[in-house]
Amino acid sequence: AVVSTQSTGSNMLRLLSTRAMSSVGGRKVAVVLSGCGVYDGSEVHEASAVMTHLSRAGAEVSIYAPDKDQFHVVDHTSGSEMIEKRNVLKESARIARGKVSALDGIVTADHDAIIIPGGFGAAKNLSNFAVEGPNMEVDETVSRVLKEFHGAGKPIGLCCIAPVIAAKVFEGVEVTVGSDVEGQDKWPYAGAAGAVKAMGGQHVVTDVNQTHIDPKNKVVTTPAFMCETAVHEIYDGVGKMVEEVLKLA
C-alpha cells in the first residue's frame, strides 16, 4: 500500500495526521544509526526527521549503533577518503547527543518498533551494499536484530538506501527506494531498485512524499534522499513513514 502526504488538502491532512499520531503515543521505538554524515554514516537530516516525528508523536526513543569501525571515513567537503579510523557507535553519538547504546545489547521485547534512517552508512557500515550491490552481506548483528523484530511481529521502518537491507534479510519483502528508472537527475540512485529485485525483493515505485507499507512483513519504507529534492519534502516523507510504523506498532 502506498501512502502519500499530498492526497488531500495539505492543511486538513496535517490536522488528521496530528490526531492520528496523538493516538499512538507512548510507543517505544529503537532507532539504529550508522555513523554521522551522509557519505560514511547516517544522513543527518533523515535521522533528525525520524526523531522529530517520533518526539511529536510522543514515542519513547532509544538510539543504537554497531560498536565497530566504519568502513572508511569521507571528507564531506570534497568526497575524498580520509586516512583515519572512526567508530560507528562514537560517530552516531554526535547525532544522539551522547545517548546511544551498542546494537548488540538491544532487547527486542523492550521496544514496539525499529527504524533505520538512510545515508551511505547503511550501505557501508550496516551492510556492504555500496561495494557488493545485490551480492551484499548484512552486518550480523543488524540482521539478527531485524529478524528478531520481524519474528515478534513488530514493524520495521527504513528510508533512503536502508530498504536494501530489508530486501536482503526478508525474502520477497516489498520496499521502495523511489524510482526504478535510471538516468534521471532527480533520482540518481534509481539503480538500487534493480538490486532490490535481484535479491528477491519486490520494488514499488513511489514519489519522495510517499511511503510504501508491506502489511505482511510490517515493513514501511520511503525514498527520502534517494531523490534530489528540497529538505522539507524529505522531512514530510519520513514523517509519513514514522506515522505508519507507529500505527502498526
Protein backbone atom coordinates (compact mmCIF):
# COMPACT_ATOMS: atom_id res chain seq x y z
CA ALA A 1 0.00 0.00 0.00
CA VAL A 2 1.35 3.41 -1.00
CA VAL A 3 0.58 6.38 1.23
CA SER A 4 1.08 9.97 0.08
CA THR A 5 1.31 13.23 2.02
CA GLN A 6 -0.43 15.06 -0.83
CA SER A 7 -3.62 13.01 -1.29
CA THR A 8 -5.90 15.73 0.19
CA GLY A 9 -5.68 19.39 1.11
CA SER A 10 -2.45 19.96 2.99
CA ASN A 11 -3.97 21.75 5.98
CA MET A 12 -6.63 19.11 6.56
CA LEU A 13 -4.08 16.32 6.12
CA ARG A 14 -1.79 17.86 8.73
CA LEU A 15 -4.71 18.09 11.16
CA LEU A 16 -5.72 14.47 10.60
CA SER A 17 -2.09 13.36 10.80
CA THR A 18 -1.62 15.14 14.12
CA ARG A 19 -4.72 13.47 15.55
CA ALA A 20 -3.60 10.06 14.28
CA MET A 21 -0.12 10.49 15.75
CA SER A 22 -1.52 11.53 19.12
CA SER A 23 -3.42 8.24 19.31
CA VAL A 24 -0.22 6.18 19.06
CA GLY A 25 1.80 8.00 21.73
CA GLY A 26 3.79 6.01 24.24
CA ARG A 27 5.28 3.57 21.76
CA LYS A 28 8.87 2.55 22.45
CA VAL A 29 10.93 2.80 19.28
CA ALA A 30 14.52 1.78 18.60
CA VAL A 31 16.40 3.93 16.07
CA VAL A 32 19.53 2.41 14.54
CA LEU A 33 22.20 4.81 13.32
CA SER A 34 25.22 4.03 11.16
CA GLY A 35 27.56 6.91 11.96
CA CYS A 36 27.29 10.64 11.34
CA GLY A 37 27.28 12.13 7.86
CA VAL A 38 25.71 11.15 4.55
CA TYR A 39 28.84 9.79 2.83
CA ASP A 40 30.05 7.42 5.55
CA GLY A 41 27.28 7.29 8.17
CA SER A 42 23.66 8.21 8.81
CA GLU A 43 22.13 11.01 6.75
CA VAL A 44 21.75 13.71 9.41
CA HIS A 45 18.57 15.31 8.03
CA GLU A 46 16.86 11.92 7.83
CA ALA A 47 17.95 10.90 11.31
CA SER A 48 16.77 14.22 12.71
CA ALA A 49 13.45 13.95 10.87
CA VAL A 50 12.88 10.46 12.27
CA MET A 51 13.49 11.60 15.83
CA THR A 52 11.48 14.81 15.45
CA HIS A 53 8.42 12.97 14.18
CA LEU A 54 8.77 10.30 16.87
CA SER A 55 9.04 13.01 19.52
CA ARG A 56 5.95 14.81 18.22
CA ALA A 57 4.03 11.52 18.36
CA GLY A 58 5.00 11.02 21.99
CA ALA A 59 7.15 7.96 21.32
CA GLU A 60 9.94 6.91 23.68
CA VAL A 61 13.10 6.68 21.59
CA SER A 62 16.22 4.62 22.24
CA ILE A 63 19.16 5.02 19.87
CA TYR A 64 21.53 2.23 18.92
CA ALA A 65 24.50 1.70 16.62
CA PRO A 66 27.03 -1.06 15.94
CA ASP A 67 30.17 -0.74 18.05
CA LYS A 68 32.72 -1.24 15.29
CA ASP A 69 34.99 0.67 12.91
CA GLN A 70 33.40 2.43 9.96
CA PHE A 71 34.07 1.03 6.50
CA HIS A 72 36.01 4.22 5.82
CA VAL A 73 35.97 7.95 6.62
CA VAL A 74 34.98 10.52 3.99
CA ASP A 75 35.85 14.22 3.88
CA HIS A 76 32.38 15.70 3.40
CA THR A 77 33.76 18.88 1.80
CA SER A 78 35.46 17.03 -1.05
CA GLY A 79 34.03 13.49 -1.06
CA SER A 80 37.53 12.05 -0.80
CA GLU A 81 38.54 9.26 1.55
CA MET A 82 40.49 10.22 4.65
CA ILE A 83 43.30 8.13 6.13
CA GLU A 84 41.91 7.62 9.60
CA LYS A 85 39.57 5.34 11.53
CA ARG A 86 36.33 6.21 13.27
CA ASN A 87 33.93 4.12 15.32
CA VAL A 88 30.30 3.83 14.21
CA LEU A 89 28.93 4.00 17.76
CA LYS A 90 31.02 7.02 18.71
CA GLU A 91 30.15 8.88 15.50
CA SER A 92 26.44 8.10 15.99
CA ALA A 93 26.70 9.69 19.43
CA ARG A 94 27.10 13.04 17.66
CA ILE A 95 23.52 12.77 16.39
CA ALA A 96 22.21 11.08 19.55
CA ARG A 97 23.68 13.82 21.76
CA GLY A 98 25.67 11.12 23.53
CA LYS A 99 22.69 8.92 24.35
CA VAL A 100 23.43 5.86 22.22
CA SER A 101 23.91 2.18 23.06
CA ALA A 102 25.68 -0.68 21.30
CA LEU A 103 23.29 -2.50 18.99
CA ASP A 104 24.39 -5.94 20.18
CA GLY A 105 22.80 -5.20 23.55
CA ILE A 106 19.33 -4.35 22.29
CA VAL A 107 16.41 -6.27 23.80
CA THR A 108 13.62 -6.67 21.27
CA ALA A 109 10.99 -7.15 23.97
CA ASP A 110 11.72 -3.63 25.25
CA HIS A 111 10.62 -1.99 22.00
CA ASP A 112 7.48 -1.77 19.87
CA ALA A 113 9.20 -0.92 16.57
CA ILE A 114 12.56 -0.25 14.94
CA ILE A 115 13.58 2.40 12.39
CA ILE A 116 16.76 2.74 10.33
CA PRO A 117 17.48 6.10 8.63
CA GLY A 118 19.47 6.18 5.42
CA GLY A 119 22.82 7.58 4.43
CA PHE A 120 25.73 5.65 2.96
CA GLY A 121 26.44 4.24 6.41
CA ALA A 122 23.51 1.88 5.85
CA ALA A 123 25.27 0.64 2.72
CA LYS A 124 28.79 0.65 4.17
CA ASN A 125 28.54 0.00 7.93
CA LEU A 126 25.21 -1.81 8.39
CA SER A 127 25.85 -3.77 5.20
CA ASN A 128 28.34 -3.78 2.34
CA PHE A 129 25.83 -2.90 -0.38
CA ALA A 130 27.97 0.04 -1.52
CA VAL A 131 30.71 -2.40 -2.54
CA GLU A 132 28.89 -5.63 -3.37
CA GLY A 133 25.50 -4.46 -4.66
CA PRO A 134 22.96 -7.31 -4.76
CA ASN A 135 25.67 -9.72 -3.58
CA MET A 136 25.80 -7.77 -0.34
CA GLU A 137 26.02 -9.11 3.18
CA VAL A 138 24.27 -7.51 6.13
CA ASP A 139 26.12 -6.93 9.39
CA GLU A 140 25.43 -10.00 11.55
CA THR A 141 24.04 -8.02 14.47
CA VAL A 142 21.83 -5.88 12.22
CA SER A 143 20.47 -8.99 10.53
CA ARG A 144 19.82 -10.74 13.84
CA VAL A 145 18.04 -7.74 15.33
CA LEU A 146 15.82 -7.21 12.30
CA LYS A 147 14.87 -10.88 12.27
CA GLU A 148 14.01 -10.72 15.96
CA PHE A 149 11.71 -7.72 15.45
CA HIS A 150 10.16 -9.34 12.40
CA GLY A 151 9.64 -12.62 14.22
CA ALA A 152 7.93 -10.78 17.06
CA GLY A 153 5.54 -9.11 14.62
CA LYS A 154 6.96 -5.65 15.29
CA PRO A 155 7.12 -3.06 12.50
CA ILE A 156 10.33 -2.03 10.78
CA GLY A 157 10.81 1.37 9.14
CA LEU A 158 13.59 2.17 6.69
CA CYS A 159 14.32 5.13 4.43
CA CYS A 160 16.64 6.16 1.63
CA ILE A 161 19.08 3.30 0.80
CA ALA A 162 18.33 1.35 4.01
CA PRO A 163 15.43 -0.62 2.40
CA VAL A 164 18.00 -2.73 0.51
CA ILE A 165 18.87 -4.26 3.88
CA ALA A 166 15.30 -5.48 4.28
CA ALA A 167 15.38 -6.85 0.73
CA LYS A 168 18.40 -8.97 1.67
CA VAL A 169 17.13 -10.12 5.07
CA PHE A 170 13.46 -10.83 4.23
CA GLU A 171 12.78 -12.85 1.10
CA GLY A 172 10.09 -11.34 -1.12
CA VAL A 173 9.63 -8.21 1.00
CA GLU A 174 8.01 -5.16 -0.63
CA VAL A 175 10.04 -1.94 -0.37
CA THR A 176 10.54 1.35 -2.15
CA VAL A 177 13.65 3.35 -2.95
CA GLY A 178 11.60 5.69 -5.15
CA SER A 179 12.03 5.49 -8.93
CA ASP A 180 13.31 2.48 -10.88
CA VAL A 181 14.23 4.48 -13.98
CA GLU A 182 17.94 5.22 -14.18
CA GLY A 183 19.43 8.30 -15.82
CA GLN A 184 17.18 10.88 -14.14
CA ASP A 185 18.80 13.81 -12.35
CA LYS A 186 16.01 13.73 -9.76
CA TRP A 187 16.65 10.05 -8.97
CA PRO A 188 20.44 9.48 -9.19
CA TYR A 189 20.34 6.19 -7.26
CA ALA A 190 17.46 4.51 -9.10
CA GLY A 191 19.69 1.52 -9.86
CA ALA A 192 19.10 0.37 -6.29
CA ALA A 193 15.60 -0.68 -7.34
CA GLY A 194 17.15 -3.27 -9.66
CA ALA A 195 19.30 -4.54 -6.81
CA VAL A 196 16.18 -4.98 -4.67
CA LYS A 197 14.66 -7.13 -7.40
CA ALA A 198 17.91 -9.08 -7.89
CA MET A 199 17.87 -10.00 -4.20
CA GLY A 200 14.34 -11.37 -4.48
CA GLY A 201 12.53 -8.32 -3.13
CA GLN A 202 9.61 -6.53 -4.72
CA HIS A 203 10.21 -2.89 -5.58
CA VAL A 204 7.29 -0.46 -5.56
CA VAL A 205 7.72 2.85 -7.38
CA THR A 206 6.83 5.87 -5.23
CA ASP A 207 7.48 9.57 -5.13
CA VAL A 208 9.52 11.19 -2.37
CA ASN A 209 6.40 12.25 -0.43
CA GLN A 210 5.05 8.70 -0.40
CA THR A 211 5.53 5.67 1.81
CA HIS A 212 5.07 2.02 0.94
CA ILE A 213 3.68 -0.41 3.50
CA ASP A 214 4.24 -4.16 3.23
CA PRO A 215 1.43 -5.32 5.54
CA LYS A 216 2.54 -8.97 5.57
CA ASN A 217 6.05 -8.17 6.80
CA LYS A 218 5.18 -4.94 8.61
CA VAL A 219 7.95 -3.16 6.71
CA VAL A 220 7.45 0.55 5.94
CA THR A 221 9.77 2.38 3.54
CA THR A 222 10.14 5.82 1.95
CA PRO A 223 12.71 7.15 -0.59
CA ALA A 224 13.99 10.21 1.32
CA PHE A 225 17.31 11.36 -0.18
CA MET A 226 17.28 8.76 -2.93
CA CYS A 227 15.58 11.76 -4.50
CA GLU A 228 17.36 15.06 -5.18
CA THR A 229 14.80 17.46 -3.77
CA ALA A 230 14.12 20.03 -1.06
CA VAL A 231 14.76 19.09 2.56
CA HIS A 232 11.15 19.74 3.59
CA GLU A 233 9.95 17.09 1.14
CA ILE A 234 12.33 14.58 2.72
CA TYR A 235 11.02 15.60 6.13
CA ASP A 236 7.40 15.07 5.04
CA GLY A 237 8.05 11.64 3.54
CA VAL A 238 9.97 10.48 6.60
CA GLY A 239 7.11 11.75 8.75
CA LYS A 240 4.63 9.61 6.86
CA MET A 241 6.90 6.58 7.32
CA VAL A 242 7.11 7.22 11.06
CA GLU A 243 3.35 7.64 11.28
CA GLU A 244 2.68 4.34 9.53
CA VAL A 245 5.26 2.49 11.64
CA LEU A 246 3.58 3.72 14.80
CA LYS A 247 0.15 2.68 13.53
CA LEU A 248 1.47 -0.85 13.07
CA ALA A 249 3.15 -0.95 16.50
